[in-house]
Amino acid sequence: MEREVKGQLPFLDVLVARCGTSLTTGVYRRNTHTDRLLDYDSCHPVDHKKSVVRTLWSRAGNLCSTEGNLREESKHLEKVFADNGYPKSVIRRWTTKQRGKRAADTRQAAARRVTLPYLKGGSEEAARLLRKHGIEVSHKPANTLHGALTKVKDTEVEENKTGVVYDTDCGNCGTRYVGETGKNLSTRIKSISVR
């Protein structure tokens, strides 16, 4: 249970502070928060990096109820972005460009959307070409940790599979057999060659 300390009480990611008879709000981070973000030099789509900047600036604007809190959060964000490799010019451009622009407006403008795996260099070009035709592109990682760690079953050997279509030569007469087997493939192939 959270308790009020020095007139302040955290609630989710909001820090509520008592100022006389009124309340003010700001952004709250636990002491264990590391300020690690998606590194600017990482192999991710530029849109994902822009989204990190937009989201954190948007959160600051929504949660900070006073100019002082917003100024303090802005200084903190500029330091965090710099520590994660984001150039100042890029931060300024992305935040200025996105102020006042709602994500809903962007989604409405895109009548058609497609999701493609991200490949550095090629994905940006594909997105640029598709945008000319009114198709918005969302990128997803080609390889994920989830994908690498969730293959818990061993791959089945071809000869042990059942319910497969096969095409094989008869060892005795040279006739070709094409069929589907309910038994495992190696058993079916052996029975053909025995005839």
Protein backbone atom coordinates (compact mmCIF):
# COMPACT_ATOMS: atom_id res chain seq x y z
CA MET A 1 0.00 0.00 0.00
CA GLU A 2 1.34 3.44 -0.90
CA ARG A 3 1.42 6.05 1.87
CA GLU A 4 1.63 9.80 1.57
CA VAL A 5 5.17 11.09 2.09
CA LYS A 6 5.86 14.84 2.40
CA GLY A 7 2.43 15.64 0.98
CA GLN A 8 2.95 13.43 -2.09
CA LEU A 9 1.27 10.17 -3.09
CA PRO A 10 2.12 8.11 -6.21
CA PHE A 11 -0.75 6.56 -8.13
CA LEU A 12 0.31 4.43 -11.14
CA ASP A 13 2.62 6.79 -13.08
CA VAL A 14 1.14 9.99 -11.58
CA LEU A 15 2.60 11.78 -8.58
CA VAL A 16 -0.19 13.61 -6.75
CA ALA A 17 1.02 16.43 -4.48
CA ARG A 18 -0.92 18.44 -1.94
CA CYS A 19 -0.43 22.21 -2.15
CA GLY A 20 -2.57 23.74 0.57
CA THR A 21 -6.15 22.92 -0.38
CA SER A 22 -5.44 22.01 -4.00
CA LEU A 23 -3.72 19.06 -5.72
CA THR A 24 -1.07 19.10 -8.43
CA THR A 25 0.08 16.22 -10.58
CA GLY A 26 3.32 15.23 -12.27
CA VAL A 27 5.06 12.17 -13.70
CA TYR A 28 6.06 9.49 -11.18
CA ARG A 29 8.91 7.00 -11.57
CA ARG A 30 9.92 4.40 -9.02
CA ASN A 31 13.43 4.59 -7.53
CA THR A 32 14.32 1.46 -9.50
CA HIS A 33 13.42 3.06 -12.86
CA THR A 34 16.52 3.01 -15.12
CA ASP A 35 15.50 5.52 -17.85
CA ARG A 36 16.59 3.04 -20.53
CA LEU A 37 14.69 3.57 -23.77
CA LEU A 38 14.90 2.19 -27.27
CA ASP A 39 18.44 3.22 -28.21
CA TYR A 40 18.65 5.60 -31.15
CA ASP A 41 21.36 3.50 -32.84
CA SER A 42 19.44 0.22 -32.48
CA CYS A 43 18.16 -1.64 -35.52
CA HIS A 44 14.52 -0.56 -35.27
CA PRO A 45 12.27 1.42 -37.60
CA VAL A 46 12.56 5.20 -37.29
CA ASP A 47 8.80 5.29 -36.59
CA HIS A 48 9.36 3.27 -33.39
CA LYS A 49 11.99 5.78 -32.24
CA LYS A 50 9.70 8.71 -33.08
CA SER A 51 6.96 6.99 -31.10
CA VAL A 52 9.17 6.80 -28.00
CA VAL A 53 9.73 10.56 -28.13
CA ARG A 54 6.08 11.39 -28.91
CA THR A 55 4.72 9.10 -26.19
CA LEU A 56 6.93 10.46 -23.42
CA TRP A 57 6.30 14.11 -24.38
CA SER A 58 2.58 13.39 -24.61
CA ARG A 59 2.59 11.73 -21.19
CA ALA A 60 4.37 14.73 -19.68
CA GLY A 61 1.82 17.11 -21.21
CA ASN A 62 -1.11 15.03 -19.96
CA LEU A 63 0.13 14.38 -16.42
CA CYS A 64 1.84 17.62 -15.43
CA SER A 65 -0.75 20.04 -14.07
CA THR A 66 1.60 23.00 -13.50
CA GLU A 67 4.15 24.78 -15.68
CA GLY A 68 6.83 24.04 -13.06
CA ASN A 69 6.16 20.29 -13.17
CA LEU A 70 6.14 20.33 -16.98
CA ARG A 71 9.42 22.28 -17.11
CA GLU A 72 11.03 19.83 -14.67
CA GLU A 73 9.79 16.82 -16.67
CA SER A 74 10.97 18.38 -19.94
CA LYS A 75 14.51 18.79 -18.56
CA HIS A 76 14.45 15.19 -17.36
CA LEU A 77 13.24 13.89 -20.76
CA GLU A 78 15.90 15.85 -22.67
CA LYS A 79 18.59 14.24 -20.48
CA VAL A 80 17.05 10.77 -20.88
CA PHE A 81 16.88 11.12 -24.69
CA ALA A 82 20.49 12.33 -24.81
CA ASP A 83 21.61 9.39 -22.61
CA ASN A 84 19.90 7.00 -25.06
CA GLY A 85 21.67 8.49 -28.10
CA TYR A 86 18.88 10.70 -29.50
CA PRO A 87 20.35 13.82 -31.19
CA LYS A 88 18.88 17.15 -29.96
CA SER A 89 17.89 18.19 -33.49
CA VAL A 90 15.90 14.99 -33.95
CA ILE A 91 14.14 15.35 -30.58
CA ARG A 92 13.20 18.96 -31.34
CA ARG A 93 11.95 18.13 -34.82
CA TRP A 94 9.84 15.15 -33.73
CA THR A 95 8.32 16.91 -30.72
CA THR A 96 7.55 20.15 -32.56
CA LYS A 97 6.08 18.28 -35.51
CA GLN A 98 3.82 16.15 -33.35
CA ARG A 99 2.53 18.76 -30.85
CA GLY A 100 -1.19 19.12 -31.24
CA LYS A 101 -1.39 16.28 -33.75
CA ARG A 102 -3.46 13.38 -32.49
CA ALA A 103 -2.76 9.74 -33.31
CA ALA A 104 -6.45 9.29 -34.18
CA ASP A 105 -6.11 11.85 -36.99
CA THR A 106 -3.19 9.90 -38.44
CA ARG A 107 -5.16 6.64 -38.31
CA GLN A 108 -8.16 8.22 -40.02
CA ALA A 109 -5.99 9.57 -42.84
CA ALA A 110 -4.68 6.10 -43.62
CA ALA A 111 -7.53 4.25 -45.32
CA ARG A 112 -5.34 1.19 -45.88
CA ARG A 113 -2.64 -0.19 -43.62
CA VAL A 114 -0.17 -3.06 -43.95
CA THR A 115 2.31 -4.56 -41.46
CA LEU A 116 5.72 -5.65 -42.74
CA PRO A 117 8.74 -7.19 -41.00
CA TYR A 118 11.47 -4.59 -40.45
CA LEU A 119 14.67 -4.92 -42.47
CA LYS A 120 17.08 -2.01 -42.02
CA GLY A 121 17.28 0.16 -45.13
CA GLY A 122 14.74 -1.68 -47.28
CA SER A 123 11.72 -1.22 -45.03
CA GLU A 124 11.94 2.58 -45.05
CA GLU A 125 12.05 2.58 -48.87
CA ALA A 126 9.06 0.21 -49.10
CA ALA A 127 7.09 2.42 -46.67
CA ARG A 128 7.91 5.52 -48.75
CA LEU A 129 6.73 3.85 -51.97
CA LEU A 130 3.51 2.51 -50.43
CA ARG A 131 2.72 5.87 -48.80
CA LYS A 132 2.54 7.40 -52.31
CA HIS A 133 -0.37 5.03 -53.00
CA GLY A 134 -2.22 5.83 -49.77
CA ILE A 135 -1.03 2.75 -47.89
CA GLU A 136 0.38 3.28 -44.40
CA VAL A 137 3.05 0.81 -43.26
CA SER A 138 3.58 -0.43 -39.71
CA HIS A 139 6.78 -2.32 -39.03
CA LYS A 140 7.25 -5.30 -36.74
CA PRO A 141 10.54 -6.91 -35.72
CA ALA A 142 11.62 -9.73 -38.02
CA ASN A 143 13.15 -11.68 -35.12
CA THR A 144 11.83 -11.50 -31.59
CA LEU A 145 13.00 -12.97 -28.32
CA HIS A 146 9.56 -14.57 -27.96
CA GLY A 147 9.95 -16.30 -31.33
CA ALA A 148 13.41 -17.59 -30.44
CA LEU A 149 12.44 -18.92 -27.02
CA THR A 150 9.01 -20.44 -27.62
CA LYS A 151 9.99 -23.26 -29.98
CA VAL A 152 9.72 -25.88 -27.27
CA LYS A 153 9.01 -28.90 -29.49
CA ASP A 154 11.72 -30.73 -31.41
CA THR A 155 11.20 -30.65 -35.17
CA GLU A 156 9.64 -33.88 -36.35
CA VAL A 157 11.70 -36.05 -38.70
CA GLU A 158 10.04 -36.32 -42.18
CA GLU A 159 9.93 -40.12 -42.08
CA ASN A 160 7.95 -40.10 -38.81
CA LYS A 161 5.19 -37.77 -40.04
CA THR A 162 1.67 -39.11 -40.64
CA GLY A 163 -1.06 -37.88 -42.98
CA VAL A 164 1.43 -36.87 -45.69
CA VAL A 165 1.26 -37.04 -49.47
CA TYR A 166 4.12 -39.06 -50.95
CA ASP A 167 5.54 -39.78 -54.41
CA THR A 168 7.93 -42.73 -54.68
CA ASP A 169 9.15 -45.43 -57.11
CA CYS A 170 8.41 -49.10 -56.59
CA GLY A 171 11.73 -50.88 -56.10
CA ASN A 172 10.60 -53.99 -58.04
CA CYS A 173 8.63 -52.84 -61.09
CA GLY A 174 9.58 -49.17 -61.53
CA THR A 175 5.98 -47.96 -61.12
CA ARG A 176 5.46 -44.57 -59.42
CA TYR A 177 3.22 -44.47 -56.37
CA VAL A 178 1.49 -41.25 -55.34
CA GLY A 179 -0.75 -41.31 -52.33
CA GLU A 180 -1.60 -40.13 -48.85
CA THR A 181 -0.82 -42.20 -45.80
CA GLY A 182 -2.35 -42.33 -42.34
CA LYS A 183 0.64 -44.36 -41.12
CA ASN A 184 4.00 -42.74 -40.68
CA LEU A 185 5.83 -42.17 -43.96
CA SER A 186 8.72 -44.60 -43.37
CA THR A 187 6.31 -47.50 -42.72
CA ARG A 188 4.36 -46.75 -45.92
CA ILE A 189 7.50 -46.44 -48.08
CA LYS A 190 8.80 -49.80 -46.74
CA SER A 191 5.49 -51.53 -47.55
CA ILE A 192 5.66 -50.25 -51.17
CA SER A 193 9.24 -51.45 -51.67
CA VAL A 194 8.43 -54.94 -50.24
CA ARG A 195 5.77 -55.64 -52.91
